[in-house]
N, C-alpha and C. Protein backbone atom coordinates (compact mmCIF):
# COMPACT_ATOMS: atom_id res chain seq x y z
N MET A 1 -5.31 -18.05 32.79
CA MET A 1 -4.65 -18.14 31.38
C MET A 1 -4.52 -17.29 30.97
N PRO A 2 -3.11 -17.09 30.37
CA PRO A 2 -2.71 -15.44 29.84
C PRO A 2 -3.56 -15.37 28.79
N ALA A 3 -3.52 -14.10 28.04
CA ALA A 3 -4.29 -13.66 27.19
C ALA A 3 -2.80 -12.56 26.13
N TYR A 4 -3.69 -12.45 24.92
CA TYR A 4 -2.99 -12.05 23.96
C TYR A 4 -3.39 -10.74 23.09
N LEU A 5 -2.90 -9.70 22.76
CA LEU A 5 -2.88 -8.59 22.12
C LEU A 5 -2.31 -9.41 20.65
N VAL A 6 -2.49 -9.09 19.63
CA VAL A 6 -1.66 -9.76 18.54
C VAL A 6 -1.98 -8.72 17.57
N GLY A 7 -1.48 -7.95 17.12
CA GLY A 7 -1.72 -7.05 16.01
C GLY A 7 -0.73 -6.89 14.87
N HIS A 8 -1.42 -7.45 13.27
CA HIS A 8 -0.57 -7.09 12.70
C HIS A 8 -0.84 -6.11 11.75
N VAL A 9 0.22 -5.05 11.99
CA VAL A 9 0.24 -3.89 11.31
C VAL A 9 1.16 -3.11 9.96
N THR A 10 0.31 -2.25 9.03
CA THR A 10 1.43 -1.58 8.03
C THR A 10 1.17 -0.69 8.27
N MET A 11 2.37 0.34 8.50
CA MET A 11 2.56 1.60 8.70
C MET A 11 2.48 2.59 7.47
N LYS A 12 1.99 3.69 8.19
CA LYS A 12 1.35 4.60 7.09
C LYS A 12 2.34 5.95 7.14
N ASP A 13 2.26 6.41 8.61
CA ASP A 13 2.90 7.51 9.03
C ASP A 13 3.93 6.94 9.82
N PRO A 14 5.26 6.73 9.82
CA PRO A 14 5.96 6.21 10.51
C PRO A 14 6.12 6.98 11.98
N VAL A 15 5.77 8.37 11.73
CA VAL A 15 6.50 9.37 12.70
C VAL A 15 5.04 9.39 14.07
N ALA A 16 4.42 8.91 13.56
CA ALA A 16 2.75 9.27 14.19
C ALA A 16 3.10 7.52 14.87
N TYR A 17 3.57 6.90 14.33
CA TYR A 17 3.29 5.31 14.99
C TYR A 17 4.20 5.34 15.83
N ALA A 18 5.37 6.23 15.57
CA ALA A 18 6.61 5.87 16.96
C ALA A 18 5.42 6.58 18.32
N GLU A 19 5.06 7.32 17.81
CA GLU A 19 4.65 8.66 19.02
C GLU A 19 3.79 7.47 20.04
N TYR A 20 3.01 6.70 18.86
CA TYR A 20 1.77 5.77 19.53
C TYR A 20 2.71 4.65 20.31
N GLY A 21 3.91 4.52 19.74
CA GLY A 21 4.34 3.09 20.46
C GLY A 21 4.99 3.96 21.84
N ARG A 22 5.49 5.06 21.57
CA ARG A 22 6.11 6.34 23.25
C ARG A 22 5.15 5.92 24.41
N GLN A 23 3.79 6.47 23.43
CA GLN A 23 2.68 6.29 24.42
C GLN A 23 1.90 5.08 25.02
N VAL A 24 2.16 4.19 24.07
CA VAL A 24 1.51 2.78 25.07
C VAL A 24 2.01 1.92 25.49
N ALA A 25 3.68 1.69 25.60
CA ALA A 25 4.15 1.16 26.42
C ALA A 25 4.27 1.40 27.69
N PRO A 26 4.48 2.14 28.14
CA PRO A 26 3.76 2.48 29.50
C PRO A 26 2.35 2.37 30.10
N LEU A 27 1.21 2.72 29.15
CA LEU A 27 0.28 2.04 29.24
C LEU A 27 0.36 0.26 29.74
N ILE A 28 0.60 -0.03 28.73
CA ILE A 28 0.28 -1.59 28.32
C ILE A 28 1.16 -2.10 30.19
N ALA A 29 2.34 -1.69 30.47
CA ALA A 29 2.41 -1.82 31.26
C ALA A 29 2.22 -1.75 32.62
N ARG A 30 1.12 -0.75 32.58
CA ARG A 30 0.61 -0.34 33.64
C ARG A 30 -0.51 -1.22 34.03
N PHE A 31 -1.12 -1.80 33.13
CA PHE A 31 -2.54 -2.68 33.04
C PHE A 31 -1.45 -4.08 33.10
N GLY A 32 -0.22 -4.14 33.24
CA GLY A 32 0.33 -5.56 33.44
C GLY A 32 0.69 -6.50 32.32
N GLY A 33 0.75 -5.38 31.26
CA GLY A 33 1.15 -6.53 29.79
C GLY A 33 2.68 -6.01 29.75
N ARG A 34 3.34 -7.24 28.68
CA ARG A 34 4.42 -7.37 28.36
C ARG A 34 4.70 -7.73 27.16
N TYR A 35 5.48 -7.03 26.36
CA TYR A 35 5.39 -7.22 24.48
C TYR A 35 6.46 -8.45 24.68
N LEU A 36 5.90 -9.53 24.01
CA LEU A 36 6.54 -10.30 23.57
C LEU A 36 7.36 -10.70 21.84
N ILE A 37 6.38 -9.94 21.08
CA ILE A 37 7.00 -9.23 19.96
C ILE A 37 6.47 -7.82 19.61
N ARG A 38 7.66 -7.12 18.89
CA ARG A 38 7.30 -5.69 19.07
C ARG A 38 8.20 -5.50 17.23
N GLY A 39 7.66 -5.63 16.36
CA GLY A 39 8.27 -5.38 14.91
C GLY A 39 9.54 -6.78 14.89
N GLY A 40 10.25 -5.96 14.78
CA GLY A 40 11.56 -6.96 14.23
C GLY A 40 11.12 -7.59 12.89
N ALA A 41 12.42 -8.17 12.63
CA ALA A 41 12.73 -8.57 11.00
C ALA A 41 11.72 -10.40 10.92
N ALA A 42 11.13 -10.14 9.95
CA ALA A 42 10.33 -11.66 9.76
C ALA A 42 10.60 -11.88 8.45
N GLU A 43 10.74 -13.49 8.27
CA GLU A 43 11.13 -14.16 7.26
C GLU A 43 9.89 -15.03 6.86
N ALA A 44 8.87 -15.01 5.60
CA ALA A 44 8.26 -15.43 5.50
C ALA A 44 8.55 -17.26 4.65
N VAL A 45 8.15 -17.79 5.36
CA VAL A 45 8.60 -19.43 4.74
C VAL A 45 7.14 -20.11 4.05
N GLU A 46 5.92 -19.65 4.23
CA GLU A 46 5.06 -19.90 3.42
C GLU A 46 4.44 -18.61 3.71
N GLY A 47 3.79 -18.34 2.54
CA GLY A 47 2.49 -17.29 2.10
C GLY A 47 3.28 -16.18 2.05
N ALA A 48 2.75 -14.67 2.50
CA ALA A 48 3.36 -13.49 2.17
C ALA A 48 4.33 -13.29 3.63
N ALA A 49 4.78 -12.20 3.60
CA ALA A 49 5.82 -11.65 4.73
C ALA A 49 4.75 -11.09 5.39
N PHE A 50 4.78 -11.09 6.57
CA PHE A 50 3.90 -10.02 7.66
C PHE A 50 5.14 -8.52 7.15
N ASN A 51 3.88 -7.90 7.54
CA ASN A 51 4.75 -6.37 7.59
C ASN A 51 5.58 -6.45 9.37
N ARG A 52 4.35 -5.83 9.84
CA ARG A 52 4.71 -5.61 11.46
C ARG A 52 3.84 -6.59 12.13
N ILE A 53 4.61 -7.15 13.28
CA ILE A 53 3.68 -8.02 13.76
C ILE A 53 4.10 -7.42 15.30
N VAL A 54 2.83 -7.65 16.05
CA VAL A 54 3.28 -7.36 17.68
C VAL A 54 2.19 -8.27 18.65
N VAL A 55 2.74 -8.78 19.67
CA VAL A 55 2.23 -9.48 20.41
C VAL A 55 2.49 -8.99 21.82
N VAL A 56 1.34 -8.78 22.51
CA VAL A 56 1.78 -8.38 23.90
C VAL A 56 0.67 -9.24 24.86
N GLU A 57 1.49 -10.02 26.00
CA GLU A 57 0.68 -11.03 27.06
C GLU A 57 0.40 -10.05 27.90
N PHE A 58 -0.63 -10.58 28.45
CA PHE A 58 -1.23 -10.20 29.62
C PHE A 58 -1.69 -11.49 30.40
N ALA A 59 -1.83 -11.37 31.69
CA ALA A 59 -2.24 -12.32 32.46
C ALA A 59 -3.22 -13.06 32.37
N ASP A 60 -4.31 -12.44 32.30
CA ASP A 60 -5.46 -13.17 31.33
C ASP A 60 -6.28 -12.40 31.03
N MET A 61 -7.43 -12.57 30.23
CA MET A 61 -8.59 -11.86 29.28
C MET A 61 -9.27 -10.64 29.98
N ALA A 62 -9.67 -10.67 31.17
CA ALA A 62 -9.89 -9.43 31.69
C ALA A 62 -9.21 -8.54 32.06
N ALA A 63 -7.50 -8.34 32.29
CA ALA A 63 -6.65 -7.58 32.22
C ALA A 63 -6.52 -6.87 30.78
N LEU A 64 -6.40 -8.00 30.05
CA LEU A 64 -6.46 -7.65 28.34
C LEU A 64 -7.51 -6.64 27.94
N LYS A 65 -8.86 -6.86 28.36
CA LYS A 65 -9.84 -6.14 28.05
C LYS A 65 -10.18 -5.09 28.80
N ALA A 66 -9.37 -5.26 29.91
CA ALA A 66 -9.52 -3.82 30.75
C ALA A 66 -8.51 -2.97 30.32
N PHE A 67 -7.52 -3.38 29.67
CA PHE A 67 -6.37 -2.41 29.11
C PHE A 67 -7.02 -1.69 27.62
N TYR A 68 -7.77 -2.51 26.66
CA TYR A 68 -7.78 -2.40 25.58
C TYR A 68 -9.60 -1.20 25.47
N SER A 69 -9.83 -1.79 26.70
CA SER A 69 -11.22 -0.43 26.81
C SER A 69 -11.43 0.59 27.53
N SER A 70 -9.70 0.81 28.28
CA SER A 70 -9.88 1.98 29.04
C SER A 70 -9.86 3.22 28.45
N PRO A 71 -10.28 3.87 29.33
CA PRO A 71 -10.34 5.76 28.77
C PRO A 71 -8.78 5.98 28.20
N GLU A 72 -7.60 5.74 28.87
CA GLU A 72 -6.48 6.02 28.29
C GLU A 72 -6.33 5.43 27.13
N TYR A 73 -6.75 4.43 26.81
CA TYR A 73 -6.23 3.66 25.63
C TYR A 73 -6.60 4.16 24.60
N ALA A 74 -8.35 4.62 24.44
CA ALA A 74 -8.98 5.06 23.21
C ALA A 74 -8.45 6.24 22.40
N PRO A 75 -7.58 7.46 23.29
CA PRO A 75 -7.14 8.43 22.22
C PRO A 75 -5.58 7.84 21.11
N LEU A 76 -5.24 6.88 22.06
CA LEU A 76 -4.23 6.10 21.54
C LEU A 76 -4.37 4.97 20.81
N ILE A 77 -5.82 4.26 20.36
CA ILE A 77 -6.27 3.56 19.20
C ILE A 77 -6.36 4.73 17.57
N THR A 78 -6.90 5.64 18.20
CA THR A 78 -7.04 6.49 16.94
C THR A 78 -5.82 6.91 16.54
N LEU A 79 -5.20 7.29 17.32
CA LEU A 79 -3.54 7.80 16.85
C LEU A 79 -2.67 6.56 15.91
N ARG A 80 -3.05 5.01 16.46
CA ARG A 80 -3.05 4.20 15.88
C ARG A 80 -3.58 3.80 14.31
N GLN A 81 -5.19 3.95 14.44
CA GLN A 81 -5.55 3.74 12.97
C GLN A 81 -5.09 4.89 12.03
N GLN A 82 -4.97 6.13 12.45
CA GLN A 82 -4.22 7.08 11.81
C GLN A 82 -3.03 6.96 10.92
N ALA A 83 -2.14 5.80 12.07
CA ALA A 83 -0.47 5.91 11.93
C ALA A 83 -0.60 4.50 10.85
N ALA A 84 -1.79 3.85 10.76
CA ALA A 84 -1.25 2.65 10.37
C ALA A 84 -2.54 1.71 9.73
N ASP A 85 -2.54 1.16 9.40
CA ASP A 85 -3.66 -0.24 8.55
C ASP A 85 -3.11 -1.23 8.97
N GLY A 86 -4.36 -2.09 9.78
CA GLY A 86 -4.00 -3.12 10.13
C GLY A 86 -5.29 -4.21 10.89
N ASP A 87 -4.67 -4.96 11.31
CA ASP A 87 -5.53 -5.93 11.97
C ASP A 87 -5.31 -6.37 13.43
N VAL A 88 -6.31 -6.47 14.76
CA VAL A 88 -5.87 -6.74 15.71
C VAL A 88 -6.90 -7.38 16.16
N SER A 89 -6.64 -8.71 17.15
CA SER A 89 -7.21 -9.35 18.04
C SER A 89 -6.82 -10.07 19.29
N LEU A 90 -8.31 -10.07 20.00
CA LEU A 90 -7.77 -10.55 21.41
C LEU A 90 -7.77 -12.08 21.29
N VAL A 91 -6.60 -12.59 22.11
CA VAL A 91 -6.67 -14.31 21.90
C VAL A 91 -6.38 -14.43 23.44
N GLU A 92 -7.34 -15.67 23.77
CA GLU A 92 -6.80 -16.71 24.77
C GLU A 92 -5.75 -16.95 24.68
N GLY A 93 -5.04 -17.47 25.80
CA GLY A 93 -3.75 -18.69 25.32
C GLY A 93 -4.13 -19.70 25.89
N TYR A 94 -2.92 -20.69 25.43
CA TYR A 94 -3.54 -22.55 25.65
C TYR A 94 -2.57 -22.85 27.16
N ALA A 95 -3.50 -23.25 27.59
CA ALA A 95 -3.72 -23.82 29.14
C ALA A 95 -2.61 -25.36 28.95
N GLY A 96 -2.53 -25.58 28.02
CA GLY A 96 -1.91 -27.17 27.83
C GLY A 96 -2.56 -28.46 29.18
């Protein structure tokens, strides 16, 4: 069953966040992930508008956790946290 990394981000340093994006994209691909949402315009129809949403799909929770806990991703977490505030969740997909 697929699993998703879901992030709601408010950038503090766009230059550093762009560097994070350049470095993380190939790492996500290496772990079999693919972006479903990566920023883009959002329109609030109920409640407050999101600043920036990121959704990355992985084959399953094991692959997602392997990515997130990898030694290669650890320094990128630090870079992201310096460049932006936000929330990140690992979410199991729906099998229907």
